[in-house]
């Protein structure tokens, strides 16, 4: 009888620990996503002010370095005007991408794109 009670308590304790860690992971993930979204919005506002002040001709590698991220400036027709990581002249039209379609709708919109790059070993 004692063995059975001990096993039951052990299972309950293990389940409680697993559920606690799962809840903590979920909360941490949600917080990290909110922080990244906030940083991206701040960076976008900063770049918008920069472009308003100096124009699109002032975009260069140093500009992208200020926000420590990738910068792609796209015209309303989907043409890539500036790209910090690749040659914008070689890039396809972006008008069919989800983030552009959302932005074309009335009001503000957001689209999250997660890109994983495999390291070359």
PDB file of N, CA and C in Angstrom:
ATOM      1  N   UNK A   1       0.812  -1.192   0.000  1.00  0.00           N
ATOM      2  CA  UNK A   1       0.000   0.000   0.000  1.00  0.00           C
ATOM      3  C   UNK A   1       0.863   1.267   0.000  1.00  0.00           C
ATOM      4  N   UNK A   2       1.932   1.259   0.786  1.00  0.00           N
ATOM      5  CA  UNK A   2       2.828   2.416   0.830  1.00  0.00           C
ATOM      6  C   UNK A   2       3.513   2.654  -0.512  1.00  0.00           C
ATOM      7  N   UNK A   3       3.891   1.557  -1.171  1.00  0.00           N
ATOM      8  CA  UNK A   3       4.528   1.677  -2.481  1.00  0.00           C
ATOM      9  C   UNK A   3       3.587   2.355  -3.466  1.00  0.00           C
ATOM     10  N   UNK A   4       2.359   1.965  -3.426  1.00  0.00           N
ATOM     11  CA  UNK A   4       1.359   2.520  -4.350  1.00  0.00           C
ATOM     12  C   UNK A   4       1.154   4.019  -4.090  1.00  0.00           C
ATOM     13  N   UNK A   5       1.070   4.414  -2.826  1.00  0.00           N
ATOM     14  CA  UNK A   5       0.927   5.833  -2.475  1.00  0.00           C
ATOM     15  C   UNK A   5       2.181   6.595  -2.895  1.00  0.00           C
ATOM     16  N   UNK A   6       3.361   6.025  -2.633  1.00  0.00           N
ATOM     17  CA  UNK A   6       4.619   6.663  -3.017  1.00  0.00           C
ATOM     18  C   UNK A   6       4.674   6.873  -4.528  1.00  0.00           C
ATOM     19  N   UNK A   7       4.321   5.866  -5.305  1.00  0.00           N
ATOM     20  CA  UNK A   7       4.319   5.976  -6.773  1.00  0.00           C
ATOM     21  C   UNK A   7       3.341   7.049  -7.234  1.00  0.00           C
ATOM     22  N   UNK A   8       2.183   7.074  -6.631  1.00  0.00           N
ATOM     23  CA  UNK A   8       1.182   8.080  -7.002  1.00  0.00           C
ATOM     24  C   UNK A   8       1.704   9.488  -6.754  1.00  0.00           C
ATOM     25  N   UNK A   9       2.295   9.697  -5.579  1.00  0.00           N
ATOM     26  CA  UNK A   9       2.863  11.005  -5.272  1.00  0.00           C
ATOM     27  C   UNK A   9       4.025  11.339  -6.206  1.00  0.00           C
ATOM     28  N   UNK A  10       4.839  10.378  -6.506  1.00  0.00           N
ATOM     29  CA  UNK A  10       5.972  10.606  -7.406  1.00  0.00           C
ATOM     30  C   UNK A  10       5.480  11.020  -8.793  1.00  0.00           C
ATOM     31  N   UNK A  11       4.457  10.324  -9.287  1.00  0.00           N
ATOM     32  CA  UNK A  11       3.889  10.668 -10.598  1.00  0.00           C
ATOM     33  C   UNK A  11       3.295  12.067 -10.556  1.00  0.00           C
ATOM     34  N   UNK A  12       2.565  12.393  -9.498  1.00  0.00           N
ATOM     35  CA  UNK A  12       1.977  13.730  -9.371  1.00  0.00           C
ATOM     36  C   UNK A  12       3.049  14.818  -9.314  1.00  0.00           C
ATOM     37  N   UNK A  13       4.115  14.572  -8.599  1.00  0.00           N
ATOM     38  CA  UNK A  13       5.194  15.548  -8.497  1.00  0.00           C
ATOM     39  C   UNK A  13       5.862  15.752  -9.857  1.00  0.00           C
ATOM     40  N   UNK A  14       6.142  14.670 -10.551  1.00  0.00           N
ATOM     41  CA  UNK A  14       6.757  14.771 -11.882  1.00  0.00           C
ATOM     42  C   UNK A  14       5.841  15.524 -12.838  1.00  0.00           C
ATOM     43  N   UNK A  15       4.550  15.210 -12.830  1.00  0.00           N
ATOM     44  CA  UNK A  15       3.597  15.921 -13.688  1.00  0.00           C
ATOM     45  C   UNK A  15       3.524  17.407 -13.336  1.00  0.00           C
ATOM     46  N   UNK A  16       3.529  17.711 -12.055  1.00  0.00           N
ATOM     47  CA  UNK A  16       3.497  19.113 -11.626  1.00  0.00           C
ATOM     48  C   UNK A  16       4.732  19.861 -12.114  1.00  0.00           C
ATOM     49  N   UNK A  17       5.886  19.223 -12.027  1.00  0.00           N
ATOM     50  CA  UNK A  17       7.125  19.849 -12.490  1.00  0.00           C
ATOM     51  C   UNK A  17       7.076  20.066 -14.004  1.00  0.00           C
ATOM     52  N   UNK A  18       6.634  19.069 -14.741  1.00  0.00           N
ATOM     53  CA  UNK A  18       6.543  19.187 -16.204  1.00  0.00           C
ATOM     54  C   UNK A  18       5.574  20.294 -16.589  1.00  0.00           C
ATOM     55  N   UNK A  19       4.412  20.349 -15.957  1.00  0.00           N
ATOM     56  CA  UNK A  19       3.427  21.393 -16.263  1.00  0.00           C
ATOM     57  C   UNK A  19       3.952  22.781 -15.903  1.00  0.00           C
ATOM     58  N   UNK A  20       4.676  22.876 -14.794  1.00  0.00           N
ATOM     59  CA  UNK A  20       5.258  24.167 -14.399  1.00  0.00           C
ATOM     60  C   UNK A  20       6.273  24.635 -15.431  1.00  0.00           C
ATOM     61  N   UNK A  21       7.156  23.752 -15.854  1.00  0.00           N
ATOM     62  CA  UNK A  21       8.141  24.131 -16.862  1.00  0.00           C
ATOM     63  C   UNK A  21       7.484  24.471 -18.193  1.00  0.00           C
ATOM     64  N   UNK A  22       6.456  23.745 -18.575  1.00  0.00           N
ATOM     65  CA  UNK A  22       5.745  24.039 -19.818  1.00  0.00           C
ATOM     66  C   UNK A  22       5.091  25.417 -19.745  1.00  0.00           C
ATOM     67  N   UNK A  23       4.473  25.729 -18.623  1.00  0.00           N
ATOM     68  CA  UNK A  23       3.843  27.039 -18.459  1.00  0.00           C
ATOM     69  C   UNK A  23       4.886  28.153 -18.480  1.00  0.00           C
ATOM     70  N   UNK A  24       6.012  27.933 -17.815  1.00  0.00           N
ATOM     71  CA  UNK A  24       7.078  28.931 -17.813  1.00  0.00           C
ATOM     72  C   UNK A  24       7.642  29.144 -19.214  1.00  0.00           C
ATOM     73  N   UNK A  25       7.810  28.071 -19.959  1.00  0.00           N
ATOM     74  CA  UNK A  25       8.320  28.176 -21.325  1.00  0.00           C
ATOM     75  C   UNK A  25       7.345  28.956 -22.202  1.00  0.00           C
ATOM     76  N   UNK A  26       6.062  28.670 -22.076  1.00  0.00           N
ATOM     77  CA  UNK A  26       5.038  29.365 -22.854  1.00  0.00           C
ATOM     78  C   UNK A  26       5.041  30.859 -22.536  1.00  0.00           C
ATOM     79  N   UNK A  27       5.088  31.196 -21.262  1.00  0.00           N
ATOM     80  CA  UNK A  27       5.088  32.602 -20.852  1.00  0.00           C
ATOM     81  C   UNK A  27       6.348  33.302 -21.347  1.00  0.00           C
ATOM     82  N   UNK A  28       7.491  32.647 -21.236  1.00  0.00           N
ATOM     83  CA  UNK A  28       8.750  33.225 -21.718  1.00  0.00           C
ATOM     84  C   UNK A  28       8.709  33.451 -23.225  1.00  0.00           C
ATOM     85  N   UNK A  29       8.156  32.500 -23.964  1.00  0.00           N
ATOM     86  CA  UNK A  29       8.056  32.617 -25.415  1.00  0.00           C
ATOM     87  C   UNK A  29       7.157  33.796 -25.785  1.00  0.00           C
ATOM     88  N   UNK A  30       6.009  33.917 -25.127  1.00  0.00           N
ATOM     89  CA  UNK A  30       5.098  35.026 -25.408  1.00  0.00           C
ATOM     90  C   UNK A  30       5.759  36.365 -25.105  1.00  0.00           C
ATOM     91  N   UNK A  31       6.494  36.438 -24.014  1.00  0.00           N
ATOM     92  CA  UNK A  31       7.188  37.666 -23.643  1.00  0.00           C
ATOM     93  C   UNK A  31       8.270  38.011 -24.664  1.00  0.00           C
ATOM     94  N   UNK A  32       9.021  37.006 -25.098  1.00  0.00           N
ATOM     95  CA  UNK A  32      10.068  37.238 -26.098  1.00  0.00           C
ATOM     96  C   UNK A  32       9.471  37.725 -27.417  1.00  0.00           C
ATOM     97  N   UNK A  33       8.357  37.135 -27.830  1.00  0.00           N
ATOM     98  CA  UNK A  33       7.687  37.570 -29.067  1.00  0.00           C
ATOM     99  C   UNK A  33       7.223  39.013 -28.948  1.00  0.00           C
ATOM    100  N   UNK A  34       6.637  39.372 -27.812  1.00  0.00           N
ATOM    101  CA  UNK A  34       6.176  40.742 -27.598  1.00  0.00           C
ATOM    102  C   UNK A  34       7.352  41.721 -27.635  1.00  0.00           C
ATOM    103  N   UNK A  35       8.471  41.337 -27.024  1.00  0.00           N
ATOM    104  CA  UNK A  35       9.659  42.192 -27.047  1.00  0.00           C
ATOM    105  C   UNK A  35      10.192  42.367 -28.464  1.00  0.00           C
ATOM    106  N   UNK A  36      10.277  41.275 -29.223  1.00  0.00           N
ATOM    107  CA  UNK A  36      10.781  41.369 -30.597  1.00  0.00           C
ATOM    108  C   UNK A  36       9.872  42.234 -31.456  1.00  0.00           C
ATOM    109  N   UNK A  37       8.548  42.080 -31.285  1.00  0.00           N
ATOM    110  CA  UNK A  37       7.598  42.905 -32.046  1.00  0.00           C
ATOM    111  C   UNK A  37       7.792  44.378 -31.699  1.00  0.00           C
ATOM    112  N   UNK A  38       7.960  44.669 -30.424  1.00  0.00           N
ATOM    113  CA  UNK A  38       8.152  46.046 -29.979  1.00  0.00           C
ATOM    114  C   UNK A  38       9.438  46.633 -30.561  1.00  0.00           C
ATOM    115  N   UNK A  39      10.520  45.856 -30.512  1.00  0.00           N
ATOM    116  CA  UNK A  39      11.786  46.322 -31.075  1.00  0.00           C
ATOM    117  C   UNK A  39      11.670  46.555 -32.578  1.00  0.00           C
ATOM    118  N   UNK A  40      10.982  45.658 -33.277  1.00  0.00           N
ATOM    119  CA  UNK A  40      10.809  45.815 -34.724  1.00  0.00           C
ATOM    120  C   UNK A  40      10.000  47.069 -35.037  1.00  0.00           C
ATOM    121  N   UNK A  41       8.965  47.323 -34.255  1.00  0.00           N
ATOM    122  CA  UNK A  41       8.163  48.533 -34.470  1.00  0.00           C
ATOM    123  C   UNK A  41       8.990  49.789 -34.218  1.00  0.00           C
ATOM    124  N   UNK A  42       9.792  49.774 -33.152  1.00  0.00           N
ATOM    125  CA  UNK A  42      10.660  50.920 -32.861  1.00  0.00           C
ATOM    126  C   UNK A  42      11.673  51.133 -33.981  1.00  0.00           C
ATOM    127  N   UNK A  43      12.269  50.045 -34.478  1.00  0.00           N
ATOM    128  CA  UNK A  43      13.225  50.146 -35.575  1.00  0.00           C
ATOM    129  C   UNK A  43      12.556  50.685 -36.838  1.00  0.00           C
ATOM    130  N   UNK A  44      11.345  50.236 -37.124  1.00  0.00           N
ATOM    131  CA  UNK A  44      10.624  50.706 -38.302  1.00  0.00           C
ATOM    132  C   UNK A  44      10.323  52.195 -38.197  1.00  0.00           C
ATOM    133  N   UNK A  45       9.916  52.640 -37.016  1.00  0.00           N
ATOM    134  CA  UNK A  45       9.651  54.070 -36.814  1.00  0.00           C
ATOM    135  C   UNK A  45      10.931  54.882 -36.984  1.00  0.00           C
ATOM    136  N   UNK A  46      12.025  54.376 -36.432  1.00  0.00           N
ATOM    137  CA  UNK A  46      13.314  55.050 -36.566  1.00  0.00           C
ATOM    138  C   UNK A  46      13.721  55.170 -38.033  1.00  0.00           C
ATOM    139  N   UNK A  47      13.565  54.079 -38.768  1.00  0.00           N
ATOM    140  CA  UNK A  47      13.909  54.113 -40.195  1.00  0.00           C
ATOM    141  C   UNK A  47      12.980  55.038 -40.977  1.00  0.00           C
ATOM    142  N   UNK A  48      11.699  55.052 -40.625  1.00  0.00           N
ATOM    143  CA  UNK A  48      10.753  55.947 -41.309  1.00  0.00           C
ATOM    144  C   UNK A  48      11.151  57.408 -41.098  1.00  0.00           C
ATOM    145  N   UNK A  49      11.526  57.754 -39.876  1.00  0.00           N
ATOM    146  CA  UNK A  49      11.976  59.117 -39.596  1.00  0.00           C
ATOM    147  C   UNK A  49      13.261  59.433 -40.361  1.00  0.00           C
ATOM    148  N   UNK A  50      14.157  58.453 -40.414  1.00  0.00           N
ATOM    149  CA  UNK A  50      15.422  58.629 -41.140  1.00  0.00           C
ATOM    150  C   UNK A  50      15.154  58.873 -42.622  1.00  0.00           C
ATOM    151  N   UNK A  51      14.263  58.083 -43.204  1.00  0.00           N
ATOM    152  CA  UNK A  51      13.949  58.229 -44.632  1.00  0.00           C
ATOM    153  C   UNK A  51      13.238  59.555 -44.895  1.00  0.00           C
ATOM    154  N   UNK A  52      12.336  59.945 -43.980  1.00  0.00           N
ATOM    155  CA  UNK A  52      11.672  61.244 -44.129  1.00  0.00           C
ATOM    156  C   UNK A  52      12.681  62.382 -44.102  1.00  0.00           C
ATOM    157  N   UNK A  53      13.693  62.253 -43.264  1.00  0.00           N
ATOM    158  CA  UNK A  53      14.693  63.305 -43.100  1.00  0.00           C
ATOM    159  C   UNK A  53      15.700  63.338 -44.257  1.00  0.00           C
ATOM    160  N   UNK A  54      16.204  62.152 -44.651  1.00  0.00           N
ATOM    161  CA  UNK A  54      17.312  62.101 -45.605  1.00  0.00           C
ATOM    162  C   UNK A  54      16.965  61.493 -46.955  1.00  0.00           C
ATOM    163  N   UNK A  55      15.821  60.861 -47.088  1.00  0.00           N
ATOM    164  CA  UNK A  55      15.423  60.237 -48.343  1.00  0.00           C
ATOM    165  C   UNK A  55      15.960  58.817 -48.480  1.00  0.00           C
ATOM    166  N   UNK A  56      15.432  58.117 -49.468  1.00  0.00           N
ATOM    167  CA  UNK A  56      15.826  56.714 -49.657  1.00  0.00           C
ATOM    168  C   UNK A  56      17.258  56.574 -50.183  1.00  0.00           C
ATOM    169  N   UNK A  57      17.782  57.621 -50.794  1.00  0.00           N
ATOM    170  CA  UNK A  57      19.156  57.552 -51.302  1.00  0.00           C
ATOM    171  C   UNK A  57      20.175  57.441 -50.173  1.00  0.00           C
ATOM    172  N   UNK A  58      19.779  57.805 -48.950  1.00  0.00           N
ATOM    173  CA  UNK A  58      20.701  57.754 -47.813  1.00  0.00           C
ATOM    174  C   UNK A  58      20.780  56.366 -47.183  1.00  0.00           C
ATOM    175  N   UNK A  59      19.953  55.428 -47.645  1.00  0.00           N
ATOM    176  CA  UNK A  59      19.994  54.067 -47.100  1.00  0.00           C
ATOM    177  C   UNK A  59      21.271  53.374 -47.547  1.00  0.00           C
ATOM    178  N   UNK A  60      21.989  52.806 -46.600  1.00  0.00           N
ATOM    179  CA  UNK A  60      23.216  52.076 -46.915  1.00  0.00           C
ATOM    180  C   UNK A  60      23.477  51.043 -45.820  1.00  0.00           C
ATOM    181  N   UNK A  61      24.618  50.382 -45.880  1.00  0.00           N
ATOM    182  CA  UNK A  61      24.942  49.340 -44.897  1.00  0.00           C
ATOM    183  C   UNK A  61      24.981  49.886 -43.476  1.00  0.00           C
ATOM    184  N   UNK A  62      25.431  51.111 -43.320  1.00  0.00           N
ATOM    185  CA  UNK A  62      25.494  51.708 -41.986  1.00  0.00           C
ATOM    186  C   UNK A  62      24.101  51.899 -41.405  1.00  0.00           C
ATOM    187  N   UNK A  63      23.142  52.216 -42.260  1.00  0.00           N
ATOM    188  CA  UNK A  63      21.764  52.393 -41.797  1.00  0.00           C
ATOM    189  C   UNK A  63      21.229  51.099 -41.210  1.00  0.00           C
ATOM    190  N   UNK A  64      21.431  50.001 -41.903  1.00  0.00           N
ATOM    191  CA  UNK A  64      20.975  48.708 -41.403  1.00  0.00           C
ATOM    192  C   UNK A  64      21.727  48.329 -40.138  1.00  0.00           C
ATOM    193  N   UNK A  65      22.978  48.742 -40.027  1.00  0.00           N
ATOM    194  CA  UNK A  65      23.769  48.435 -38.843  1.00  0.00           C
ATOM    195  C   UNK A  65      23.265  49.143 -37.596  1.00  0.00           C
ATOM    196  N   UNK A  66      22.618  50.283 -37.769  1.00  0.00           N
ATOM    197  CA  UNK A  66      22.089  51.026 -36.627  1.00  0.00           C
ATOM    198  C   UNK A  66      21.055  50.194 -35.883  1.00  0.00           C
ATOM    199  N   UNK A  67      20.213  49.493 -36.626  1.00  0.00           N
ATOM    200  CA  UNK A  67      19.152  48.714 -35.989  1.00  0.00           C
ATOM    201  C   UNK A  67      19.535  47.243 -35.826  1.00  0.00           C
ATOM    202  N   UNK A  68      20.717  46.887 -36.276  1.00  0.00           N
ATOM    203  CA  UNK A  68      21.206  45.520 -36.164  1.00  0.00           C
ATOM    204  C   UNK A  68      20.230  44.508 -36.754  1.00  0.00           C
ATOM    205  N   UNK A  69      19.731  44.807 -37.920  1.00  0.00           N
ATOM    206  CA  UNK A  69      18.792  43.896 -38.562  1.00  0.00           C
ATOM    207  C   UNK A  69      18.810  44.068 -40.062  1.00  0.00           C
ATOM    208  N   UNK A  70      18.014  43.282 -40.703  1.00  0.00           N
ATOM    209  CA  UNK A  70      17.884  43.336 -42.152  1.00  0.00           C
ATOM    210  C   UNK A  70      16.875  44.409 -42.511  1.00  0.00           C
ATOM    211  N   UNK A  71      17.211  45.201 -43.516  1.00  0.00           N
ATOM    212  CA  UNK A  71      16.330  46.269 -43.969  1.00  0.00           C
ATOM    213  C   UNK A  71      16.002  46.038 -45.437  1.00  0.00           C
ATOM    214  N   UNK A  72      14.716  45.971 -45.720  1.00  0.00           N
ATOM    215  CA  UNK A  72      14.247  45.887 -47.104  1.00  0.00           C
ATOM    216  C   UNK A  72      13.247  47.008 -47.301  1.00  0.00           C
ATOM    217  N   UNK A  73      13.530  47.904 -48.242  1.00  0.00           N
ATOM    218  CA  UNK A  73      12.633  49.018 -48.538  1.00  0.00           C
ATOM    219  C   UNK A  73      11.950  48.704 -49.857  1.00  0.00           C
ATOM    220  N   UNK A  74      10.628  48.655 -49.821  1.00  0.00           N
ATOM    221  CA  UNK A  74       9.855  48.201 -50.964  1.00  0.00           C
ATOM    222  C   UNK A  74       8.904  49.305 -51.425  1.00  0.00           C
ATOM    223  N   UNK A  75       8.870  49.561 -52.732  1.00  0.00           N
ATOM    224  CA  UNK A  75       7.944  50.545 -53.289  1.00  0.00           C
ATOM    225  C   UNK A  75       6.522  49.987 -53.253  1.00  0.00           C
ATOM    226  N   UNK A  76       5.539  50.856 -53.437  1.00  0.00           N
ATOM    227  CA  UNK A  76       4.137  50.429 -53.361  1.00  0.00           C
ATOM    228  C   UNK A  76       3.782  49.398 -54.429  1.00  0.00           C
ATOM    229  N   UNK A  77       4.541  49.356 -55.533  1.00  0.00           N
ATOM    230  CA  UNK A  77       4.266  48.359 -56.573  1.00  0.00           C
ATOM    231  C   UNK A  77       4.989  47.034 -56.333  1.00  0.00           C
ATOM    232  N   UNK A  78       5.735  46.931 -55.219  1.00  0.00           N
ATOM    233  CA  UNK A  78       6.421  45.690 -54.880  1.00  0.00           C
ATOM    234  C   UNK A  78       7.879  45.646 -55.293  1.00  0.00           C
ATOM    235  N   UNK A  79       8.361  46.669 -55.969  1.00  0.00           N
ATOM    236  CA  UNK A  79       9.760  46.722 -56.386  1.00  0.00           C
ATOM    237  C   UNK A  79      10.651  46.962 -55.178  1.00  0.00           C
ATOM    238  N   UNK A  80      11.715  46.172 -55.071  1.00  0.00           N
ATOM    239  CA  UNK A  80      12.654  46.347 -53.964  1.00  0.00           C
ATOM    240  C   UNK A  80      13.580  47.506 -54.310  1.00  0.00           C
ATOM    241  N   UNK A  81      13.505  48.559 -53.497  1.00  0.00           N
ATOM    242  CA  UNK A  81      14.322  49.751 -53.711  1.00  0.00           C
ATOM    243  C   UNK A  81      15.673  49.608 -53.020  1.00  0.00           C
ATOM    244  N   UNK A  82      15.661  49.038 -51.814  1.00  0.00           N
ATOM    245  CA  UNK A  82      16.900  48.856 -51.059  1.00  0.00           C
ATOM    246  C   UNK A  82      16.807  47.566 -50.267  1.00  0.00           C
ATOM    247  N   UNK A  83      17.904  46.843 -50.213  1.00  0.00           N
ATOM    248  CA  UNK A  83      18.003  45.596 -49.431  1.00  0.00           C
ATOM    249  C   UNK A  83      19.380  45.573 -48.799  1.00  0.00           C
ATOM    250  N   UNK A  84      19.430  45.427 -47.477  1.00  0.00           N
ATOM    251  CA  UNK A  84      20.712  45.498 -46.771  1.00  0.00           C
ATOM    252  C   UNK A  84      21.551  44.232 -46.888  1.00  0.00           C
ATOM    253  N   UNK A  85      20.924  43.085 -47.156  1.00  0.00           N
ATOM    254  CA  UNK A  85      21.675  41.827 -47.179  1.00  0.00           C
ATOM    255  C   UNK A  85      21.927  41.270 -48.578  1.00  0.00           C
ATOM    256  N   UNK A  86      21.195  41.732 -49.564  1.00  0.00           N
ATOM    257  CA  UNK A  86      21.336  41.209 -50.921  1.00  0.00           C
ATOM    258  C   UNK A  86      21.283  42.353 -51.931  1.00  0.00           C
ATOM    259  N   UNK A  87      21.597  42.050 -53.165  1.00  0.00           N
ATOM    260  CA  UNK A  87      21.525  43.047 -54.233  1.00  0.00           C
ATOM    261  C   UNK A  87      20.067  43.248 -54.619  1.00  0.00           C
ATOM    262  N   UNK A  88      19.541  44.443 -54.367  1.00  0.00           N
ATOM    263  CA  UNK A  88      18.120  44.704 -54.626  1.00  0.00           C
ATOM    264  C   UNK A  88      17.769  44.597 -56.109  1.00  0.00           C
ATOM    265  N   UNK A  89      18.742  44.825 -56.988  1.00  0.00           N
ATOM    266  CA  UNK A  89      18.476  44.731 -58.422  1.00  0.00           C
ATOM    267  C   UNK A  89      18.184  43.297 -58.853  1.00  0.00           C
ATOM    268  N   UNK A  90      18.676  42.318 -58.103  1.00  0.00           N
ATOM    269  CA  UNK A  90      18.483  40.915 -58.455  1.00  0.00           C
ATOM    270  C   UNK A  90      17.249  40.292 -57.785  1.00  0.00           C
ATOM    271  N   UNK A  91      16.563  41.057 -56.957  1.00  0.00           N
ATOM    272  CA  UNK A  91      15.430  40.510 -56.203  1.00  0.00           C
ATOM    273  C   UNK A  91      14.135  40.609 -57.001  1.00  0.00           C
ATOM    274  N   UNK A  92      13.274  39.592 -56.793  1.00  0.00           N
ATOM    275  CA  UNK A  92      11.992  39.569 -57.489  1.00  0.00           C
ATOM    276  C   UNK A  92      11.046  40.590 -56.869  1.00  0.00           C
ATOM    277  N   UNK A  93       9.969  40.861 -57.563  1.00  0.00           N
ATOM    278  CA  UNK A  93       8.938  41.771 -57.086  1.00  0.00           C
ATOM    279  C   UNK A  93       8.274  41.168 -55.852  1.00  0.00           C
ATOM    280  N   UNK A  94       8.051  41.987 -54.846  1.00  0.00           N
ATOM    281  CA  UNK A  94       7.512  41.520 -53.574  1.00  0.00           C
ATOM    282  C   UNK A  94       6.009  41.766 -53.421  1.00  0.00           C
ATOM    283  N   UNK A  95       5.329  42.176 -54.470  1.00  0.00           N
ATOM    284  CA  UNK A  95       3.915  42.555 -54.346  1.00  0.00           C
ATOM    285  C   UNK A  95       3.011  41.397 -53.932  1.00  0.00           C
ATOM    286  N   UNK A  96       3.429  40.151 -54.163  1.00  0.00           N
ATOM    287  CA  UNK A  96       2.603  38.988 -53.812  1.00  0.00           C
ATOM    288  C   UNK A  96       2.858  38.466 -52.400  1.00  0.00           C
ATOM    289  N   UNK A  97       3.806  39.037 -51.705  1.00  0.00           N
ATOM    290  CA  UNK A  97       4.135  38.567 -50.359  1.00  0.00           C
ATOM    291  C   UNK A  97       3.062  38.989 -49.363  1.00  0.00           C
ATOM    292  N   UNK A  98       2.874  38.155 -48.346  1.00  0.00           N
ATOM    293  CA  UNK A  98       1.805  38.380 -47.366  1.00  0.00           C
ATOM    294  C   UNK A  98       1.953  39.715 -46.653  1.00  0.00           C
ATOM    295  N   UNK A  99       3.175  40.095 -46.298  1.00  0.00           N
ATOM    296  CA  UNK A  99       3.357  41.348 -45.568  1.00  0.00           C
ATOM    297  C   UNK A  99       3.017  42.571 -46.409  1.00  0.00           C
ATOM    298  N   UNK A 100       3.187  42.452 -47.725  1.00  0.00           N
ATOM    299  CA  UNK A 100       2.840  43.560 -48.617  1.00  0.00           C
ATOM    300  C   UNK A 100       1.333  43.613 -48.820  1.00  0.00           C
ATOM    301  N   UNK A 101       0.704  42.465 -48.990  1.00  0.00           N
ATOM    302  CA  UNK A 101      -0.750  42.419 -49.147  1.00  0.00           C
ATOM    303  C   UNK A 101      -1.451  42.945 -47.899  1.00  0.00           C
ATOM    304  N   UNK A 102      -0.950  42.599 -46.718  1.00  0.00           N
ATOM    305  CA  UNK A 102      -1.539  43.098 -45.475  1.00  0.00           C
ATOM    306  C   UNK A 102      -1.387  44.606 -45.394  1.00  0.00           C
ATOM    307  N   UNK A 103      -0.243  45.111 -45.743  1.00  0.00           N
ATOM    308  CA  UNK A 103       0.018  46.554 -45.671  1.00  0.00           C
ATOM    309  C   UNK A 103      -0.828  47.318 -46.672  1.00  0.00           C
ATOM    310  N   UNK A 104      -1.219  46.686 -47.778  1.00  0.00           N
ATOM    311  CA  UNK A 104      -2.032  47.340 -48.788  1.00  0.00           C
ATOM    312  C   UNK A 104      -3.468  47.540 -48.319  1.00  0.00           C
ATOM    313  N   UNK A 105      -3.898  46.771 -47.334  1.00  0.00           N
ATOM    314  CA  UNK A 105      -5.246  46.909 -46.794  1.00  0.00           C
ATOM    315  C   UNK A 105      -5.313  48.177 -45.943  1.00  0.00           C
ATOM    316  N   UNK A 106      -6.538  48.702 -45.761  1.00  0.00           N
ATOM    317  CA  UNK A 106      -6.675  49.908 -44.934  1.00  0.00           C
ATOM    318  C   UNK A 106      -6.202  49.664 -43.498  1.00  0.00           C
ATOM    319  N   UNK A 107      -5.531  50.660 -42.919  1.00  0.00           N
ATOM    320  CA  UNK A 107      -5.040  50.537 -41.553  1.00  0.00           C
ATOM    321  C   UNK A 107      -3.663  49.906 -41.515  1.00  0.00           C
ATOM    322  N   UNK A 108      -3.154  49.760 -40.316  1.00  0.00           N
ATOM    323  CA  UNK A 108      -1.824  49.166 -40.137  1.00  0.00           C
ATOM    324  C   UNK A 108      -1.944  47.656 -40.037  1.00  0.00           C
ATOM    325  N   UNK A 109      -0.916  46.960 -40.472  1.00  0.00           N
ATOM    326  CA  UNK A 109      -0.918  45.505 -40.395  1.00  0.00           C
ATOM    327  C   UNK A 109       0.469  44.993 -40.080  1.00  0.00           C
ATOM    328  N   UNK A 110       0.517  43.775 -39.582  1.00  0.00           N
ATOM    329  CA  UNK A 110       1.809  43.150 -39.302  1.00  0.00           C
ATOM    330  C   UNK A 110       1.797  41.727 -39.834  1.00  0.00           C
ATOM    331  N   UNK A 111       2.976  41.242 -40.145  1.00  0.00           N
ATOM    332  CA  UNK A 111       3.154  39.871 -40.605  1.00  0.00           C
ATOM    333  C   UNK A 111       4.470  39.378 -40.049  1.00  0.00           C
ATOM    334  N   UNK A 112       4.466  38.230 -39.437  1.00  0.00           N
ATOM    335  CA  UNK A 112       5.683  37.667 -38.877  1.00  0.00           C
ATOM    336  C   UNK A 112       6.198  36.590 -39.814  1.00  0.00           C
ATOM    337  N   UNK A 113       7.471  36.693 -40.155  1.00  0.00           N
ATOM    338  CA  UNK A 113       8.105  35.687 -40.995  1.00  0.00           C
ATOM    339  C   UNK A 113       9.312  35.159 -40.240  1.00  0.00           C
ATOM    340  N   UNK A 114       9.351  33.876 -40.047  1.00  0.00           N
ATOM    341  CA  UNK A 114      10.456  33.261 -39.332  1.00  0.00           C
ATOM    342  C   UNK A 114      11.333  32.545 -40.347  1.00  0.00           C
ATOM    343  N   UNK A 115      12.597  32.913 -40.350  1.00  0.00           N
ATOM    344  CA  UNK A 115      13.533  32.333 -41.300  1.00  0.00           C
ATOM    345  C   UNK A 115      14.671  31.682 -40.519  1.00  0.00           C
ATOM    346  N   UNK A 116      14.888  30.421 -40.794  1.00  0.00           N
ATOM    347  CA  UNK A 116      16.006  29.707 -40.189  1.00  0.00           C
ATOM    348  C   UNK A 116      17.042  29.457 -41.263  1.00  0.00           C
ATOM    349  N   UNK A 117      18.268  29.787 -40.954  1.00  0.00           N
ATOM    350  CA  UNK A 117      19.350  29.550 -41.899  1.00  0.00           C
ATOM    351  C   UNK A 117      20.265  28.496 -41.312  1.00  0.00           C
ATOM    352  N   UNK A 118      20.502  27.457 -42.077  1.00  0.00           N
ATOM    353  CA  UNK A 118      21.397  26.399 -41.634  1.00  0.00           C
ATOM    354  C   UNK A 118      22.837  26.890 -41.743  1.00  0.00           C
ATOM    355  N   UNK A 119      23.617  26.604 -40.739  1.00  0.00           N
ATOM    356  CA  UNK A 119      25.015  27.009 -40.792  1.00  0.00           C
ATOM    357  C   UNK A 119      25.777  26.063 -41.700  1.00  0.00           C
ATOM    358  N   UNK A 120      26.661  26.632 -42.454  1.00  0.00           N
ATOM    359  CA  UNK A 120      27.509  25.850 -43.360  1.00  0.00           C
ATOM    360  C   UNK A 120      28.673  25.316 -42.558  1.00  0.00           C
ATOM    361  N   UNK A 121      28.748  24.004 -42.381  1.00  0.00           N
ATOM    362  CA  UNK A 121      29.814  23.444 -41.540  1.00  0.00           C
ATOM    363  C   UNK A 121      30.843  22.816 -42.281  1.00  0.00           C
TER     364      UNK A 121
END
